[in-house]
Amino acid sequence: MNNTITANDLKVGGVSALESIIEQGLEAVITVRGKNTYVVLSNEKYNRLRECELAVALREVEADIAAGRYHEDS
């Protein structure tokens, strides 16, 4: 599956140029001057990604606390 779209195709086709890619469950990669520059994904995938990032951050903080790498301010 080709999930790449040029910036010009997006400019001409608008959101409908992205819909077929997103409906397939893929991320749409937008190229500008031949370079992968942007990624568009569904809101559901974006929210899942954010949840994963927050879970990793929480684990890092818990590890820092367990290892004593913190200080308390009054």
N, C-alpha and C. Protein backbone atom coordinates (compact mmCIF):
# COMPACT_ATOMS: atom_id res chain seq x y z
N MET A 1 0.83 -1.19 0.00
CA MET A 1 0.00 0.00 0.00
C MET A 1 0.87 1.24 0.00
N ASN A 2 0.50 2.18 -0.82
CA ASN A 2 1.21 3.45 -0.85
C ASN A 2 0.47 4.43 0.06
N ASN A 3 1.12 4.84 1.11
CA ASN A 3 0.50 5.77 2.04
C ASN A 3 1.15 7.15 1.96
N THR A 4 1.81 7.43 0.85
CA THR A 4 2.49 8.71 0.67
C THR A 4 1.69 9.59 -0.28
N ILE A 5 1.63 10.86 0.07
CA ILE A 5 0.93 11.84 -0.76
C ILE A 5 1.79 13.09 -0.81
N THR A 6 1.84 13.71 -1.95
CA THR A 6 2.64 14.93 -2.06
C THR A 6 1.85 16.11 -1.52
N ALA A 7 2.59 17.13 -1.11
CA ALA A 7 1.94 18.34 -0.60
C ALA A 7 1.05 18.95 -1.68
N ASN A 8 1.49 18.86 -2.93
CA ASN A 8 0.69 19.41 -4.02
C ASN A 8 -0.62 18.63 -4.18
N ASP A 9 -0.57 17.29 -4.10
CA ASP A 9 -1.79 16.49 -4.19
C ASP A 9 -2.75 16.83 -3.06
N LEU A 10 -2.20 17.08 -1.88
CA LEU A 10 -3.04 17.47 -0.74
C LEU A 10 -3.65 18.84 -0.98
N LYS A 11 -2.87 19.74 -1.53
CA LYS A 11 -3.36 21.09 -1.83
C LYS A 11 -4.51 21.04 -2.83
N VAL A 12 -4.38 20.20 -3.84
CA VAL A 12 -5.40 20.08 -4.88
C VAL A 12 -6.60 19.28 -4.39
N GLY A 13 -6.35 18.16 -3.71
CA GLY A 13 -7.43 17.26 -3.32
C GLY A 13 -8.02 17.51 -1.96
N GLY A 14 -7.34 18.29 -1.13
CA GLY A 14 -7.83 18.57 0.21
C GLY A 14 -7.88 17.31 1.06
N VAL A 15 -8.75 17.32 2.04
CA VAL A 15 -8.87 16.21 2.98
C VAL A 15 -9.25 14.92 2.28
N SER A 16 -10.00 15.00 1.21
CA SER A 16 -10.40 13.78 0.50
C SER A 16 -9.19 13.03 -0.04
N ALA A 17 -8.08 13.72 -0.27
CA ALA A 17 -6.86 13.06 -0.72
C ALA A 17 -6.29 12.16 0.38
N LEU A 18 -6.59 12.47 1.62
CA LEU A 18 -6.10 11.68 2.75
C LEU A 18 -7.05 10.56 3.15
N GLU A 19 -8.33 10.73 2.88
CA GLU A 19 -9.34 9.81 3.40
C GLU A 19 -9.11 8.35 3.03
N SER A 20 -8.76 8.08 1.78
CA SER A 20 -8.60 6.68 1.38
C SER A 20 -7.44 6.02 2.13
N ILE A 21 -6.41 6.78 2.42
CA ILE A 21 -5.28 6.24 3.17
C ILE A 21 -5.69 5.97 4.61
N ILE A 22 -6.32 6.95 5.25
CA ILE A 22 -6.70 6.84 6.65
C ILE A 22 -7.75 5.74 6.84
N GLU A 23 -8.69 5.61 5.90
CA GLU A 23 -9.72 4.58 6.00
C GLU A 23 -9.13 3.17 5.98
N GLN A 24 -7.95 3.01 5.39
CA GLN A 24 -7.27 1.72 5.36
C GLN A 24 -6.54 1.43 6.66
N GLY A 25 -6.60 2.37 7.59
CA GLY A 25 -5.91 2.20 8.87
C GLY A 25 -4.45 2.57 8.82
N LEU A 26 -4.04 3.25 7.76
CA LEU A 26 -2.64 3.64 7.61
C LEU A 26 -2.44 5.09 8.01
N GLU A 27 -1.20 5.44 8.23
CA GLU A 27 -0.84 6.84 8.43
C GLU A 27 -0.51 7.39 7.05
N ALA A 28 -0.91 8.62 6.80
CA ALA A 28 -0.60 9.27 5.53
C ALA A 28 0.67 10.08 5.71
N VAL A 29 1.66 9.79 4.88
CA VAL A 29 2.92 10.52 4.91
C VAL A 29 2.87 11.58 3.82
N ILE A 30 3.06 12.83 4.22
CA ILE A 30 3.02 13.94 3.27
C ILE A 30 4.46 14.33 2.94
N THR A 31 4.75 14.36 1.65
CA THR A 31 6.09 14.73 1.22
C THR A 31 6.10 16.17 0.72
N VAL A 32 7.17 16.86 1.03
CA VAL A 32 7.38 18.22 0.55
C VAL A 32 8.74 18.23 -0.13
N ARG A 33 8.73 18.56 -1.40
CA ARG A 33 9.95 18.54 -2.22
C ARG A 33 10.66 17.20 -2.14
N GLY A 34 9.89 16.13 -2.14
CA GLY A 34 10.44 14.78 -2.16
C GLY A 34 10.87 14.22 -0.82
N LYS A 35 10.70 14.98 0.26
CA LYS A 35 11.11 14.52 1.59
C LYS A 35 9.88 14.26 2.45
N ASN A 36 9.88 13.13 3.17
CA ASN A 36 8.81 12.86 4.12
C ASN A 36 8.86 13.94 5.20
N THR A 37 7.78 14.71 5.31
CA THR A 37 7.79 15.88 6.18
C THR A 37 6.74 15.81 7.28
N TYR A 38 5.54 15.32 6.95
CA TYR A 38 4.43 15.28 7.91
C TYR A 38 3.79 13.90 7.89
N VAL A 39 3.15 13.56 9.00
CA VAL A 39 2.37 12.33 9.09
C VAL A 39 1.00 12.68 9.61
N VAL A 40 -0.02 12.17 8.94
CA VAL A 40 -1.41 12.37 9.38
C VAL A 40 -1.95 11.02 9.79
N LEU A 41 -2.53 10.96 10.97
CA LEU A 41 -3.14 9.73 11.44
C LEU A 41 -4.50 10.01 12.03
N SER A 42 -5.28 8.97 12.18
CA SER A 42 -6.62 9.14 12.73
C SER A 42 -6.52 9.63 14.17
N ASN A 43 -7.56 10.26 14.63
CA ASN A 43 -7.59 10.75 16.00
C ASN A 43 -7.46 9.59 16.99
N GLU A 44 -8.07 8.46 16.65
CA GLU A 44 -7.98 7.27 17.51
C GLU A 44 -6.53 6.82 17.67
N LYS A 45 -5.80 6.75 16.56
CA LYS A 45 -4.39 6.35 16.63
C LYS A 45 -3.56 7.39 17.37
N TYR A 46 -3.85 8.66 17.16
CA TYR A 46 -3.13 9.72 17.85
C TYR A 46 -3.32 9.61 19.36
N ASN A 47 -4.56 9.41 19.79
CA ASN A 47 -4.84 9.29 21.22
C ASN A 47 -4.14 8.08 21.81
N ARG A 48 -4.09 6.97 21.09
CA ARG A 48 -3.40 5.77 21.57
C ARG A 48 -1.91 6.05 21.71
N LEU A 49 -1.35 6.76 20.75
CA LEU A 49 0.07 7.12 20.81
C LEU A 49 0.36 7.97 22.04
N ARG A 50 -0.49 8.95 22.28
CA ARG A 50 -0.31 9.82 23.46
C ARG A 50 -0.40 9.01 24.76
N GLU A 51 -1.36 8.07 24.83
CA GLU A 51 -1.48 7.22 26.02
C GLU A 51 -0.20 6.44 26.26
N CYS A 52 0.39 5.91 25.18
CA CYS A 52 1.64 5.15 25.30
C CYS A 52 2.77 6.05 25.79
N GLU A 53 2.86 7.25 25.25
CA GLU A 53 3.90 8.19 25.68
C GLU A 53 3.75 8.54 27.16
N LEU A 54 2.52 8.75 27.60
CA LEU A 54 2.29 9.08 29.01
C LEU A 54 2.59 7.89 29.92
N ALA A 55 2.29 6.69 29.46
CA ALA A 55 2.59 5.49 30.25
C ALA A 55 4.10 5.33 30.42
N VAL A 56 4.87 5.59 29.38
CA VAL A 56 6.32 5.50 29.45
C VAL A 56 6.85 6.57 30.41
N ALA A 57 6.34 7.78 30.32
CA ALA A 57 6.78 8.85 31.21
C ALA A 57 6.49 8.51 32.67
N LEU A 58 5.33 7.92 32.92
CA LEU A 58 4.98 7.53 34.28
C LEU A 58 5.95 6.47 34.80
N ARG A 59 6.28 5.47 33.97
CA ARG A 59 7.23 4.44 34.38
C ARG A 59 8.60 5.04 34.68
N GLU A 60 9.02 6.02 33.88
CA GLU A 60 10.31 6.67 34.12
C GLU A 60 10.32 7.41 35.45
N VAL A 61 9.24 8.10 35.75
CA VAL A 61 9.15 8.83 37.02
C VAL A 61 9.13 7.86 38.19
N GLU A 62 8.38 6.78 38.06
CA GLU A 62 8.33 5.78 39.14
C GLU A 62 9.71 5.17 39.36
N ALA A 63 10.46 4.93 38.29
CA ALA A 63 11.81 4.38 38.44
C ALA A 63 12.74 5.38 39.11
N ASP A 64 12.61 6.66 38.76
CA ASP A 64 13.41 7.70 39.41
C ASP A 64 13.12 7.77 40.89
N ILE A 65 11.85 7.70 41.26
CA ILE A 65 11.47 7.75 42.68
C ILE A 65 12.01 6.53 43.41
N ALA A 66 11.87 5.35 42.82
CA ALA A 66 12.35 4.12 43.45
C ALA A 66 13.87 4.15 43.63
N ALA A 67 14.59 4.79 42.71
CA ALA A 67 16.04 4.86 42.79
C ALA A 67 16.52 6.06 43.61
N GLY A 68 15.58 6.86 44.12
CA GLY A 68 15.95 8.01 44.94
C GLY A 68 16.44 9.20 44.14
N ARG A 69 16.16 9.24 42.88
CA ARG A 69 16.61 10.36 42.04
C ARG A 69 15.54 11.47 42.03
N TYR A 70 15.38 12.08 43.19
CA TYR A 70 14.43 13.19 43.33
C TYR A 70 14.77 13.95 44.60
N HIS A 71 14.20 15.11 44.72
CA HIS A 71 14.32 15.86 45.98
C HIS A 71 13.01 16.57 46.23
N GLU A 72 12.76 16.83 47.49
CA GLU A 72 11.51 17.46 47.90
C GLU A 72 11.78 18.92 48.23
N ASP A 73 10.87 19.77 47.78
CA ASP A 73 10.94 21.19 48.12
C ASP A 73 9.83 21.47 49.12
N SER A 74 10.08 22.47 49.94
CA SER A 74 9.04 22.83 50.92
C SER A 74 8.16 23.89 50.37
